[in-house]
Amino acid sequence: MSIAAPKARPGRGLPVDDIADVLSAPARRG
């Protein structure tokens, strides 16, 4: 679960992490 890695970094807190999550979530489901 590489998605948990970026989320564990509160130092960045960039919206890019959220976008990557949303893009990765549907990509894995499909």
Protein backbone atom coordinates (compact mmCIF):
# COMPACT_ATOMS: atom_id res chain seq x y z
CA MET A 1 0.00 0.00 0.00
CA SER A 2 2.19 2.83 -1.25
CA ILE A 3 -0.79 5.19 -0.79
CA ALA A 4 -0.32 5.04 3.00
CA ALA A 5 3.29 6.22 2.63
CA PRO A 6 2.50 9.76 1.36
CA LYS A 7 -0.40 10.08 3.78
CA ALA A 8 1.90 9.33 6.71
CA ARG A 9 3.90 12.45 5.79
CA PRO A 10 2.05 15.40 7.36
CA GLY A 11 5.05 17.59 6.52
CA ARG A 12 3.96 17.98 2.90
CA GLY A 13 0.19 18.13 3.33
CA LEU A 14 -0.11 18.97 -0.37
CA PRO A 15 -3.35 18.45 -2.32
CA VAL A 16 -1.31 16.40 -4.80
CA ASP A 17 -1.36 13.52 -2.32
CA ASP A 18 -5.15 13.58 -2.20
CA ILE A 19 -5.40 13.73 -5.99
CA ALA A 20 -2.98 10.82 -6.32
CA ASP A 21 -5.12 8.86 -3.85
CA VAL A 22 -8.31 9.48 -5.80
CA LEU A 23 -6.59 8.56 -9.06
CA SER A 24 -4.99 5.45 -7.56
CA ALA A 25 -8.19 4.30 -5.86
CA PRO A 26 -10.31 3.96 -9.06
CA ALA A 27 -7.28 2.69 -10.98
CA ARG A 28 -6.93 -0.27 -8.60
CA ARG A 29 -10.68 -0.96 -8.63
CA GLY A 30 -10.91 -0.90 -12.42
